[in-house]
C-alpha atoms as a PDB file:
ATOM      1  CA  MET A   1       7.289  -7.247  11.596  1.00  0.00           C
ATOM      2  CA  ASN A   2      10.095  -5.635  13.485  1.00  0.00           C
ATOM      3  CA  HIS A   3      11.597  -3.091  11.094  1.00  0.00           C
ATOM      4  CA  GLN A   4      10.122   0.384  10.832  1.00  0.00           C
ATOM      5  CA  SER A   5      10.180   2.607   7.786  1.00  0.00           C
ATOM      6  CA  THR A   6       8.466   5.725   6.495  1.00  0.00           C
ATOM      7  CA  GLY A   7       6.531   5.214   3.297  1.00  0.00           C
ATOM      8  CA  ILE A   8       5.442   7.799   0.761  1.00  0.00           C
ATOM      9  CA  VAL A   9       1.846   7.564  -0.502  1.00  0.00           C
ATOM     10  CA  SER A  10       2.448   7.990  -4.216  1.00  0.00           C
ATOM     11  CA  ASP A  11      -1.073   7.411  -5.539  1.00  0.00           C
ATOM     12  CA  ILE A  12      -4.632   7.134  -4.189  1.00  0.00           C
ATOM     13  CA  ILE A  13      -7.315   5.383  -6.217  1.00  0.00           C
ATOM     14  CA  GLN A  14     -10.964   5.487  -5.165  1.00  0.00           C
ATOM     15  CA  ARG A  15     -12.699   2.160  -5.762  1.00  0.00           C
ATOM     16  CA  ILE A  16     -16.292   0.979  -5.515  1.00  0.00           C
ATOM     17  CA  GLY A  17     -17.000  -2.453  -4.056  1.00  0.00           C
ATOM     18  CA  ILE A  18     -19.553  -5.021  -5.187  1.00  0.00           C
ATOM     19  CA  LYS A  19     -22.196  -3.630  -2.815  1.00  0.00           C
ATOM     20  CA  GLY A  20     -21.467  -0.029  -3.806  1.00  0.00           C
ATOM     21  CA  ASN A  21     -19.261   0.773  -0.850  1.00  0.00           C
ATOM     22  CA  ILE A  22     -16.358   3.147  -1.420  1.00  0.00           C
ATOM     23  CA  TYR A  23     -12.838   2.205  -0.445  1.00  0.00           C
ATOM     24  CA  TYR A  24      -9.378   3.438  -1.319  1.00  0.00           C
ATOM     25  CA  GLN A  25      -6.322   1.769  -2.747  1.00  0.00           C
ATOM     26  CA  PHE A  26      -3.175   3.642  -2.035  1.00  0.00           C
ATOM     27  CA  ILE A  27       0.245   2.841  -3.380  1.00  0.00           C
ATOM     28  CA  ILE A  28       3.052   3.222  -0.874  1.00  0.00           C
ATOM     29  CA  ARG A  29       6.749   3.314  -1.662  1.00  0.00           C
ATOM     30  CA  TYR A  30       9.399   2.807   0.988  1.00  0.00           C
ATOM     31  CA  ASP A  31      13.008   1.732   1.351  1.00  0.00           C
ATOM     32  CA  THR A  32      14.089  -1.216   3.478  1.00  0.00           C
ATOM     33  CA  LEU A  33      16.921  -0.962   5.976  1.00  0.00           C
ATOM     34  CA  ALA A  34      19.169  -2.462   3.294  1.00  0.00           C
ATOM     35  CA  GLY A  35      18.183   0.369   0.928  1.00  0.00           C
ATOM     36  CA  SER A  36      16.004  -1.709  -1.419  1.00  0.00           C
ATOM     37  CA  PRO A  37      12.954   0.144  -2.756  1.00  0.00           C
ATOM     38  CA  VAL A  38       9.583  -1.563  -2.208  1.00  0.00           C
ATOM     39  CA  THR A  39       6.185  -0.666  -3.685  1.00  0.00           C
ATOM     40  CA  ILE A  40       3.070  -1.980  -1.949  1.00  0.00           C
ATOM     41  CA  ASN A  41      -0.701  -1.610  -2.251  1.00  0.00           C
ATOM     42  CA  HIS A  42      -2.885  -0.965   0.768  1.00  0.00           C
ATOM     43  CA  TYR A  43      -6.682  -0.955   0.855  1.00  0.00           C
ATOM     44  CA  SER A  44      -8.755   0.960   3.383  1.00  0.00           C
ATOM     45  CA  ILE A  45     -12.187   2.476   3.808  1.00  0.00           C
ATOM     46  CA  LYS A  46     -10.482   5.627   5.076  1.00  0.00           C
ATOM     47  CA  LYS A  47      -8.624   7.948   2.764  1.00  0.00           C
ATOM     48  CA  PRO A  48      -5.126   8.640   4.068  1.00  0.00           C
ATOM     49  CA  LYS A  49      -4.758  12.127   5.512  1.00  0.00           C
ATOM     50  CA  GLU A  50      -1.022  12.429   5.048  1.00  0.00           C
ATOM     51  CA  SER A  51       1.383  11.728   2.228  1.00  0.00           C
ATOM     52  CA  GLU A  52       3.735   9.843   4.561  1.00  0.00           C
ATOM     53  CA  VAL A  53       2.898   6.772   6.649  1.00  0.00           C
ATOM     54  CA  ILE A  54       4.894   4.852   9.222  1.00  0.00           C
ATOM     55  CA  LEU A  55       4.903   1.118   8.673  1.00  0.00           C
ATOM     56  CA  TYR A  56       6.480  -2.028  10.050  1.00  0.00           C
ATOM     57  CA  TYR A  57       7.679  -4.716   7.667  1.00  0.00           C
ATOM     58  CA  ASP A  58       9.176  -8.180   7.723  1.00  0.00           C
ATOM     59  CA  PRO A  59      12.817  -7.954   6.538  1.00  0.00           C
ATOM     60  CA  ALA A  60      12.606 -11.465   5.057  1.00  0.00           C
ATOM     61  CA  LYS A  61       9.477 -10.491   3.074  1.00  0.00           C
ATOM     62  CA  PRO A  62       9.365  -6.690   2.704  1.00  0.00           C
ATOM     63  CA  GLU A  63       6.003  -6.874   0.909  1.00  0.00           C
ATOM     64  CA  LYS A  64       4.436  -8.020   4.221  1.00  0.00           C
ATOM     65  CA  PHE A  65       3.726  -4.909   6.266  1.00  0.00           C
ATOM     66  CA  VAL A  66       1.486  -3.317   8.867  1.00  0.00           C
ATOM     67  CA  LEU A  67       0.734   0.384   8.975  1.00  0.00           C
ATOM     68  CA  LYS A  68       1.403   1.874  12.395  1.00  0.00           C
ATOM     69  CA  ASN A  69      -1.996   3.572  12.758  1.00  0.00           C
ATOM     70  CA  ASP A  70      -4.053   1.034  10.815  1.00  0.00           C
ATOM     71  CA  GLY A  71      -5.201  -0.917  13.857  1.00  0.00           C
ATOM     72  CA  GLN A  72      -5.916   1.897  16.279  1.00  0.00           C
ATOM     73  CA  PHE A  73      -9.696   1.322  16.276  1.00  0.00           C
ATOM     74  CA  ARG A  74      -9.592  -2.476  16.097  1.00  0.00           C
ATOM     75  CA  SER A  75      -9.289  -2.853  19.861  1.00  0.00           C
ATOM     76  CA  VAL A  76     -12.426  -0.733  20.319  1.00  0.00           C
ATOM     77  CA  ASN A  77     -14.270  -2.960  17.845  1.00  0.00           C
ATOM     78  CA  ILE A  78     -13.105  -6.062  19.680  1.00  0.00           C
ATOM     79  CA  ILE A  79     -14.306  -4.706  23.034  1.00  0.00           C
ATOM     80  CA  PHE A  80     -17.740  -3.811  21.639  1.00  0.00           C
ATOM     81  CA  GLY A  81     -17.901  -7.220  19.961  1.00  0.00           C
ATOM     82  CA  ILE A  82     -17.216  -8.981  23.263  1.00  0.00           C
ATOM     83  CA  PHE A  83     -19.935  -6.974  25.010  1.00  0.00           C
ATOM     84  CA  ALA A  84     -22.383  -7.776  22.207  1.00  0.00           C
ATOM     85  CA  VAL A  85     -21.653 -11.511  22.481  1.00  0.00           C
ATOM     86  CA  LEU A  86     -22.062 -11.423  26.273  1.00  0.00           C
ATOM     87  CA  PHE A  87     -25.336  -9.526  25.951  1.00  0.00           C
ATOM     88  CA  LEU A  88     -26.614 -12.012  23.379  1.00  0.00           C
ATOM     89  CA  ALA A  89     -25.567 -14.968  25.538  1.00  0.00           C
ATOM     90  CA  GLY A  90     -27.358 -13.409  28.528  1.00  0.00           C
ATOM     91  CA  ALA A  91     -30.502 -12.852  26.487  1.00  0.00           C
ATOM     92  CA  VAL A  92     -30.498 -16.455  25.243  1.00  0.00           C
ATOM     93  CA  CYS A  93     -29.969 -17.779  28.788  1.00  0.00           C
ATOM     94  CA  ALA A  94     -32.770 -15.582  30.120  1.00  0.00           C
ATOM     95  CA  PHE A  95     -35.099 -16.789  27.368  1.00  0.00           C
ATOM     96  CA  LEU A  96     -34.282 -20.468  27.950  1.00  0.00           C
ATOM     97  CA  PHE A  97     -34.271 -20.534  31.737  1.00  0.00           C
ATOM     98  CA  LEU A  98     -36.973 -18.044  32.714  1.00  0.00           C
END
């Protein structure tokens, strides 16, 4: 995933999941460095705020991509997850050994 491109969000479709949760499918069109047009689908619980997105793609497989801002909150979730696991492990140890 080492090539960057700017994609245009051409369509946004609101979907409803099995449990009734709302998510969005947006269709993104971008051109590779070689000039080939690519159309991809991306799914998110957040509606995109802009009509253009920056993405990184694999030049060997342009349909494989990562949006630049898609993972900005994942590190926060990982940190809270680690603290939750440590807290749970401490509670189990305290219950077993005290």
